[in-house]
């Protein structure tokens, strides 16, 4: 007869669980041996790199084969550095092409009757390389779409092309905003960065400042028109609206006056989301907005 197993003692369950997951002595010894092997390999690699660096300082001591190898490595490093600089330049150019939207209808621009996007046989390229060829895109108003694809296939490039109007067939006057994967850090304050999305308000403020310093006879009448438009779009309330949105995203009044560059990626993404909420575009494109949230 097999004696009955004693009842399980659960009085010290955490300790029992810890005992179950403890690594055995043999396994620990094996791990220690592997760690020692890795350390020895790393030490040899460090010494090898140190020897190669020393030889580069004294080319006379290098063999012809070592010189050819060093030249090939130098060429590869130079090509890699050029590729990094080119990629950075393309990214900066794409960001610099971002255009704020016009938040307010009735400003003279013609708004399309629908926000539907239907384009055929378009091409998108980046750096001379075609990412999309003879493509078709159909987006219906009121719908939410997910864009899926492996890294480097052109998802962000497509969104930028749509936002910048680089694709023929996008309805004229359609307000499109692209929230980048990571908001770029600038010295502009958080609050001003959000307000800058309103293109018309910025233009009116600049126009008013110019007219106030003008001595032309028509300046006064033109200034009155600018003031009337500012009242119409409630320009004086824009700062309060932007501040309320930023407060809802966790920014204090003091933080709103700090430059965007002083914040981490997660907080910069919140600035981008505040821009999107502030301008209320016809088409809102979010490029991995939860990366840092």
Protein backbone atom coordinates (compact mmCIF):
# COMPACT_ATOMS: atom_id res chain seq x y z
CA UNK A 1 0.00 0.00 0.00
CA UNK A 2 1.18 3.46 -0.84
CA UNK A 3 0.86 5.76 2.14
CA UNK A 4 -1.24 8.85 1.59
CA UNK A 5 0.71 11.99 0.78
CA UNK A 6 0.77 14.53 3.57
CA UNK A 7 -1.44 17.56 3.13
CA UNK A 8 0.28 20.44 1.35
CA UNK A 9 1.49 23.11 3.70
CA UNK A 10 0.54 26.47 2.26
CA UNK A 11 1.50 28.48 5.32
CA UNK A 12 4.69 29.61 3.65
CA UNK A 13 3.66 29.58 -0.01
CA UNK A 14 6.04 32.37 -1.19
CA UNK A 15 9.03 30.53 0.30
CA UNK A 16 7.90 27.28 -1.33
CA UNK A 17 7.64 28.98 -4.71
CA UNK A 18 11.09 30.47 -4.32
CA UNK A 19 12.49 27.03 -3.55
CA UNK A 20 10.87 25.65 -6.71
CA UNK A 21 12.55 28.20 -8.94
CA UNK A 22 15.99 28.09 -7.29
CA UNK A 23 18.72 27.16 -9.75
CA UNK A 24 20.46 23.89 -8.96
CA UNK A 25 24.10 23.82 -7.97
CA UNK A 26 25.09 22.04 -11.17
CA UNK A 27 23.29 24.57 -13.34
CA UNK A 28 24.82 27.45 -11.42
CA UNK A 29 28.27 25.96 -11.90
CA UNK A 30 27.60 25.61 -15.63
CA UNK A 31 26.49 29.24 -15.82
CA UNK A 32 29.63 30.29 -13.98
CA UNK A 33 31.77 28.40 -16.47
CA UNK A 34 29.97 30.01 -19.42
CA UNK A 35 30.43 33.43 -17.87
CA UNK A 36 34.14 32.80 -17.51
CA UNK A 37 34.36 31.72 -21.16
CA UNK A 38 32.51 34.84 -22.30
CA UNK A 39 34.83 37.03 -20.21
CA UNK A 40 37.89 35.36 -21.73
CA UNK A 41 36.51 35.82 -25.27
CA UNK A 42 35.74 39.46 -24.58
CA UNK A 43 39.24 39.99 -23.22
CA UNK A 44 40.76 38.48 -26.38
CA UNK A 45 38.61 40.70 -28.59
CA UNK A 46 39.59 43.80 -26.62
CA UNK A 47 43.24 42.87 -26.96
CA UNK A 48 42.81 42.22 -30.69
CA UNK A 49 41.22 45.62 -31.22
CA UNK A 50 43.96 47.24 -29.15
CA UNK A 51 46.63 45.55 -31.28
CA UNK A 52 44.91 46.67 -34.49
CA UNK A 53 44.69 50.25 -33.22
CA UNK A 54 48.38 50.18 -32.37
CA UNK A 55 49.24 48.93 -35.85
CA UNK A 56 47.17 51.68 -37.44
CA UNK A 57 49.31 54.18 -35.58
CA UNK A 58 52.42 52.57 -37.08
CA UNK A 59 51.63 51.59 -40.70
CA UNK A 60 55.28 50.61 -41.28
CA UNK A 61 54.83 47.59 -38.99
CA UNK A 62 51.81 46.30 -40.95
CA UNK A 63 51.98 43.61 -43.59
CA UNK A 64 50.50 44.22 -47.04
CA UNK A 65 47.50 42.08 -46.17
CA UNK A 66 46.87 44.03 -42.97
CA UNK A 67 47.12 47.32 -44.89
CA UNK A 68 44.54 46.15 -47.44
CA UNK A 69 42.23 44.98 -44.64
CA UNK A 70 42.59 48.33 -42.84
CA UNK A 71 41.83 50.19 -46.08
CA UNK A 72 38.67 48.12 -46.65
CA UNK A 73 37.53 48.76 -43.08
CA UNK A 74 38.15 52.48 -43.48
CA UNK A 75 36.11 52.52 -46.71
CA UNK A 76 33.22 50.67 -45.07
CA UNK A 77 33.29 53.05 -42.11
CA UNK A 78 33.30 56.04 -44.46
CA UNK A 79 30.36 54.63 -46.44
CA UNK A 80 28.43 53.95 -43.22
CA UNK A 81 29.03 57.49 -41.96
CA UNK A 82 27.85 58.92 -45.30
CA UNK A 83 24.72 56.76 -45.18
CA UNK A 84 23.93 57.94 -41.66
CA UNK A 85 24.37 61.60 -42.66
CA UNK A 86 22.20 61.11 -45.75
CA UNK A 87 19.45 59.43 -43.73
CA UNK A 88 19.57 62.24 -41.18
CA UNK A 89 19.39 64.83 -43.95
CA UNK A 90 16.38 63.13 -45.54
CA UNK A 91 14.65 63.00 -42.16
CA UNK A 92 15.34 66.69 -41.49
CA UNK A 93 14.08 67.64 -44.95
CA UNK A 94 10.90 65.65 -44.43
CA UNK A 95 10.26 67.30 -41.06
CA UNK A 96 10.98 70.77 -42.48
CA UNK A 97 8.27 70.21 -45.11
CA UNK A 98 5.60 69.86 -42.43
CA UNK A 99 2.91 72.43 -43.02
CA UNK A 100 0.57 73.64 -40.27
CA UNK A 101 -3.11 73.34 -41.04
CA UNK A 102 -5.83 75.97 -41.20
CA UNK A 103 -8.18 75.33 -38.31
CA UNK A 104 -10.97 77.67 -39.33
CA UNK A 105 -13.35 77.40 -42.31
CA UNK A 106 -14.38 80.58 -44.08
CA UNK A 107 -10.88 81.97 -44.45
CA UNK A 108 -11.08 82.12 -48.23
CA UNK A 109 -9.73 78.62 -48.86
CA UNK A 110 -12.01 76.15 -50.60
CA UNK A 111 -12.85 73.19 -48.40
CA UNK A 112 -13.69 69.93 -50.16
CA UNK A 113 -17.26 68.63 -49.71
CA UNK A 114 -15.90 65.38 -48.26
CA UNK A 115 -12.71 64.16 -46.61
CA UNK A 116 -12.69 61.01 -48.75
CA UNK A 117 -9.31 60.23 -50.31
CA UNK A 118 -9.23 58.21 -53.52
CA UNK A 119 -6.01 58.23 -55.55
CA UNK A 120 -4.80 55.83 -58.23
CA UNK A 121 -1.51 54.91 -59.85
CA UNK A 122 0.73 57.00 -57.63
CA UNK A 123 4.39 56.51 -56.76
CA UNK A 124 6.26 57.28 -53.53
CA UNK A 125 10.04 57.32 -53.40
CA UNK A 126 12.70 58.16 -50.84
CA UNK A 127 16.29 59.01 -51.65
CA UNK A 128 15.85 57.92 -55.27
CA UNK A 129 14.42 54.53 -54.28
CA UNK A 130 10.81 53.76 -55.22
CA UNK A 131 8.90 52.45 -52.20
CA UNK A 132 5.46 52.37 -53.82
CA UNK A 133 4.80 52.07 -57.56
CA UNK A 134 1.45 52.23 -59.34
CA UNK A 135 -0.29 52.19 -55.97
CA UNK A 136 -3.93 52.86 -55.10
CA UNK A 137 -5.26 54.41 -51.89
CA UNK A 138 -8.90 54.75 -50.82
CA UNK A 139 -9.82 56.21 -47.41
CA UNK A 140 -13.41 56.85 -46.38
CA UNK A 141 -14.44 59.60 -43.93
CA UNK A 142 -15.35 58.46 -40.42
CA UNK A 143 -13.28 55.28 -40.68
CA UNK A 144 -10.13 54.28 -38.81
CA UNK A 145 -7.37 52.48 -40.67
CA UNK A 146 -4.23 50.67 -39.57
CA UNK A 147 -1.12 50.71 -41.73
CA UNK A 148 0.92 47.55 -41.26
CA UNK A 149 4.29 46.58 -42.70
CA UNK A 150 7.85 45.72 -41.79
CA UNK A 151 10.39 48.39 -40.89
CA UNK A 152 11.74 50.34 -43.85
CA UNK A 153 8.94 49.42 -46.23
CA UNK A 154 7.74 53.03 -46.46
CA UNK A 155 4.88 53.51 -43.98
CA UNK A 156 6.15 56.79 -42.54
CA UNK A 157 7.22 58.03 -45.98
CA UNK A 158 3.68 57.43 -47.27
CA UNK A 159 2.14 59.36 -44.39
CA UNK A 160 4.53 62.27 -44.94
CA UNK A 161 3.75 62.30 -48.66
CA UNK A 162 0.02 62.49 -47.89
CA UNK A 163 0.53 65.29 -45.37
CA UNK A 164 2.85 67.32 -47.61
CA UNK A 165 0.58 67.04 -50.65
CA UNK A 166 3.19 65.15 -52.65
CA UNK A 167 0.59 62.75 -54.07
CA UNK A 168 -1.57 63.98 -56.94
CA UNK A 169 -5.28 63.49 -56.44
CA UNK A 170 -5.56 64.54 -52.78
CA UNK A 171 -8.59 66.89 -52.53
CA UNK A 172 -7.52 70.52 -52.47
CA UNK A 173 -8.06 72.25 -49.15
CA UNK A 174 -8.18 68.99 -47.19
CA UNK A 175 -6.64 69.50 -43.76
CA UNK A 176 -4.22 66.66 -43.03
CA UNK A 177 -2.03 66.36 -39.95
CA UNK A 178 0.72 63.79 -39.51
CA UNK A 179 1.76 63.09 -35.90
CA UNK A 180 5.35 61.90 -36.22
CA UNK A 181 6.74 58.88 -34.39
CA UNK A 182 8.79 61.22 -32.21
CA UNK A 183 8.32 64.97 -31.99
CA UNK A 184 11.55 66.79 -32.83
CA UNK A 185 13.14 68.72 -29.98
CA UNK A 186 13.34 72.47 -30.60
CA UNK A 187 13.95 75.53 -28.47
CA UNK A 188 10.36 76.69 -29.04
CA UNK A 189 8.21 76.48 -25.92
CA UNK A 190 5.64 73.73 -25.59
CA UNK A 191 2.74 76.18 -25.69
CA UNK A 192 4.04 78.05 -28.76
CA UNK A 193 4.68 74.74 -30.52
CA UNK A 194 1.02 73.81 -30.17
CA UNK A 195 -0.18 77.29 -31.18
CA UNK A 196 2.07 77.23 -34.27
CA UNK A 197 -0.10 74.49 -35.75
CA UNK A 198 -2.77 77.12 -36.44
CA UNK A 199 -1.35 78.54 -39.66
CA UNK A 200 -3.94 81.27 -40.15
CA UNK A 201 -3.62 82.62 -36.60
CA UNK A 202 0.16 82.86 -37.01
CA UNK A 203 -0.23 84.64 -40.34
CA UNK A 204 -2.72 87.12 -38.88
CA UNK A 205 -0.46 87.94 -35.93
CA UNK A 206 2.51 88.51 -38.22
CA UNK A 207 0.38 90.59 -40.61
CA UNK A 208 -0.98 92.74 -37.77
CA UNK A 209 2.51 93.40 -36.42
CA UNK A 210 3.68 94.42 -39.90
CA UNK A 211 0.72 96.74 -40.52
CA UNK A 212 1.07 98.41 -37.13
CA UNK A 213 4.58 99.49 -38.10
CA UNK A 214 3.57 100.54 -41.62
CA UNK A 215 3.21 104.15 -42.72
CA UNK A 216 1.16 103.34 -45.82
CA UNK A 217 -2.22 105.04 -46.16
CA UNK A 218 -4.05 101.74 -46.65
CA UNK A 219 -2.45 100.13 -43.59
CA UNK A 220 -5.17 101.24 -41.15
CA UNK A 221 -8.02 99.81 -43.22
CA UNK A 222 -6.13 96.57 -43.81
CA UNK A 223 -5.36 96.31 -40.10
CA UNK A 224 -9.05 96.58 -39.27
CA UNK A 225 -9.74 93.62 -41.58
CA UNK A 226 -7.03 91.61 -39.85
CA UNK A 227 -8.47 92.43 -36.42
CA UNK A 228 -11.96 91.47 -37.62
CA UNK A 229 -10.70 88.10 -38.83
CA UNK A 230 -8.88 87.52 -35.54
CA UNK A 231 -12.13 88.12 -33.67
CA UNK A 232 -13.97 85.79 -36.06
CA UNK A 233 -11.62 82.88 -35.45
CA UNK A 234 -11.37 83.67 -31.72
CA UNK A 235 -7.62 84.12 -31.94
CA UNK A 236 -7.45 85.57 -28.43
CA UNK A 237 -8.83 82.33 -26.97
CA UNK A 238 -6.37 80.03 -28.77
CA UNK A 239 -3.74 80.18 -26.02
CA UNK A 240 -6.28 79.22 -23.35
CA UNK A 241 -7.54 76.32 -25.47
CA UNK A 242 -3.98 75.05 -26.10
CA UNK A 243 -3.08 75.39 -22.41
CA UNK A 244 -6.18 73.42 -21.41
CA UNK A 245 -5.26 70.59 -23.79
CA UNK A 246 -1.67 70.50 -22.51
CA UNK A 247 -2.88 70.46 -18.91
CA UNK A 248 -5.09 67.50 -19.77
CA UNK A 249 -1.98 65.70 -21.08
CA UNK A 250 -0.11 66.32 -17.82
CA UNK A 251 1.81 69.57 -18.43
CA UNK A 252 2.01 72.17 -15.67
CA UNK A 253 1.89 75.91 -16.42
CA UNK A 254 5.65 76.12 -15.85
CA UNK A 255 6.36 73.18 -18.16
CA UNK A 256 4.32 74.76 -20.94
CA UNK A 257 6.85 77.62 -21.00
CA UNK A 258 9.84 75.30 -21.30
CA UNK A 259 11.42 74.45 -24.69
CA UNK A 260 10.35 71.16 -26.26
CA UNK A 261 13.99 70.05 -26.40
CA UNK A 262 14.11 69.88 -22.60
CA UNK A 263 11.61 67.00 -22.52
CA UNK A 264 12.02 63.27 -23.10
CA UNK A 265 10.57 61.42 -26.08
CA UNK A 266 7.38 60.51 -24.23
CA UNK A 267 6.60 64.10 -23.33
CA UNK A 268 7.45 65.29 -26.84
CA UNK A 269 4.93 62.80 -28.16
CA UNK A 270 2.34 64.38 -25.87
CA UNK A 271 3.15 67.73 -27.47
CA UNK A 272 2.42 66.21 -30.88
CA UNK A 273 -0.86 64.79 -29.61
CA UNK A 274 -1.78 68.22 -28.22
CA UNK A 275 -1.15 69.70 -31.68
CA UNK A 276 -3.49 67.14 -33.21
CA UNK A 277 -6.22 67.82 -30.65
CA UNK A 278 -5.79 71.58 -31.07
CA UNK A 279 -6.07 71.83 -34.84
CA UNK A 280 -8.80 69.18 -35.37
CA UNK A 281 -7.85 68.30 -38.98
CA UNK A 282 -10.02 66.51 -41.54
CA UNK A 283 -7.55 63.62 -41.64
CA UNK A 284 -5.42 62.71 -38.61
CA UNK A 285 -2.51 60.31 -39.12
CA UNK A 286 -0.80 58.89 -36.02
CA UNK A 287 2.62 57.34 -36.60
CA UNK A 288 3.16 54.88 -33.72
CA UNK A 289 2.00 57.42 -31.12
CA UNK A 290 2.23 54.96 -28.23
CA UNK A 291 5.97 54.33 -28.64
CA UNK A 292 6.81 56.48 -25.62
CA UNK A 293 3.49 56.56 -23.77
